[in-house]
Amino acid sequence: MDHCSDGTVIHELIIHKTGEMAVKRLTRSKEKMWAGVLAGIGVYLDVDPTIVRVVYAFLTVLTVGFPGLLAYIIMWIIIPKE
């Protein structure tokens, strides 16, 4: 997301094939390995979900696993399904 000079957030807009505009939302992806959290983040950031998964796994291993696992479970609960 971009920020204006006064700190407000400019939401990214998507123009559908019908010409309607919609705000881009973070959702869990249907193309999932477990809960679709990391794939959903990849889709939202327009990055290959595999890259997001590898980076997340690397960071989780560096933090001895527990914080990364806990963060994943929390995201699984709060991020809505697609």
Protein backbone atom coordinates (compact mmCIF):
# COMPACT_ATOMS: atom_id res chain seq x y z
CA MET A 1 0.00 0.00 0.00
CA ASP A 2 1.11 3.53 -0.68
CA HIS A 3 1.00 6.35 1.81
CA CYS A 4 0.19 10.01 1.20
CA SER A 5 2.44 12.72 2.59
CA ASP A 6 0.04 13.14 5.53
CA GLY A 7 0.37 9.42 6.43
CA THR A 8 -3.01 8.22 5.18
CA VAL A 9 -3.12 4.94 3.31
CA ILE A 10 -4.04 4.71 -0.35
CA HIS A 11 -5.81 1.39 -0.91
CA GLU A 12 -4.87 -0.57 -4.00
CA LEU A 13 -7.76 -0.88 -6.41
CA ILE A 14 -8.46 -3.72 -8.80
CA ILE A 15 -10.43 -3.12 -11.96
CA HIS A 16 -12.49 -6.19 -12.81
CA LYS A 17 -13.28 -7.26 -16.36
CA THR A 18 -16.71 -5.71 -15.90
CA GLY A 19 -15.09 -2.33 -15.29
CA GLU A 20 -16.02 -2.26 -11.61
CA MET A 21 -13.35 -1.28 -9.09
CA ALA A 22 -12.81 -3.14 -5.83
CA VAL A 23 -10.39 -2.81 -2.92
CA LYS A 24 -7.72 -5.51 -2.85
CA ARG A 25 -8.28 -7.73 0.23
CA LEU A 26 -6.06 -10.17 2.07
CA THR A 27 -7.74 -13.58 2.11
CA ARG A 28 -6.63 -17.18 2.53
CA SER A 29 -6.09 -18.78 -0.86
CA LYS A 30 -7.93 -21.85 -2.11
CA GLU A 31 -4.61 -23.04 -3.58
CA LYS A 32 -3.26 -24.08 -0.22
CA MET A 33 -0.79 -26.44 1.33
CA TRP A 34 -2.25 -26.20 4.85
CA ALA A 35 -4.63 -23.34 5.53
CA GLY A 36 -3.86 -21.08 2.56
CA VAL A 37 -2.42 -18.29 4.73
CA LEU A 38 0.96 -17.93 3.03
CA ALA A 39 -0.50 -18.43 -0.45
CA GLY A 40 -3.02 -15.69 0.32
CA ILE A 41 -0.22 -13.37 1.41
CA GLY A 42 1.64 -14.17 -1.81
CA VAL A 43 -1.42 -13.38 -3.92
CA TYR A 44 -2.01 -10.14 -2.02
CA LEU A 45 1.61 -9.04 -2.46
CA ASP A 46 1.66 -10.27 -6.08
CA VAL A 47 4.55 -12.63 -5.27
CA ASP A 48 4.86 -16.34 -6.01
CA PRO A 49 3.40 -18.16 -2.96
CA THR A 50 6.36 -20.57 -2.99
CA ILE A 51 8.73 -17.67 -2.30
CA VAL A 52 6.54 -16.52 0.60
CA ARG A 53 6.50 -20.06 2.01
CA VAL A 54 10.29 -20.48 1.76
CA VAL A 55 10.99 -17.09 3.38
CA TYR A 56 8.45 -17.79 6.15
CA ALA A 57 9.91 -21.26 6.81
CA PHE A 58 13.44 -19.80 6.93
CA LEU A 59 12.40 -17.08 9.39
CA THR A 60 10.50 -19.63 11.50
CA VAL A 61 13.57 -21.86 11.76
CA LEU A 62 15.71 -18.85 12.74
CA THR A 63 13.31 -18.04 15.60
CA VAL A 64 13.33 -21.66 16.84
CA GLY A 65 9.90 -22.34 15.39
CA PHE A 66 7.45 -21.35 18.10
CA PRO A 67 6.85 -17.66 17.21
CA GLY A 68 6.43 -18.51 13.52
CA LEU A 69 4.02 -21.35 14.27
CA LEU A 70 2.03 -19.18 16.67
CA ALA A 71 1.88 -16.33 14.12
CA TYR A 72 0.65 -18.78 11.44
CA ILE A 73 -2.14 -20.06 13.68
CA ILE A 74 -3.21 -16.51 14.54
CA MET A 75 -3.25 -15.54 10.84
CA TRP A 76 -5.24 -18.71 10.08
CA ILE A 77 -7.89 -17.56 12.56
CA ILE A 78 -8.11 -13.87 11.57
CA ILE A 79 -7.63 -13.92 7.77
CA PRO A 80 -10.94 -14.71 6.04
CA LYS A 81 -11.33 -17.41 3.37
CA GLU A 82 -11.33 -16.41 -0.29
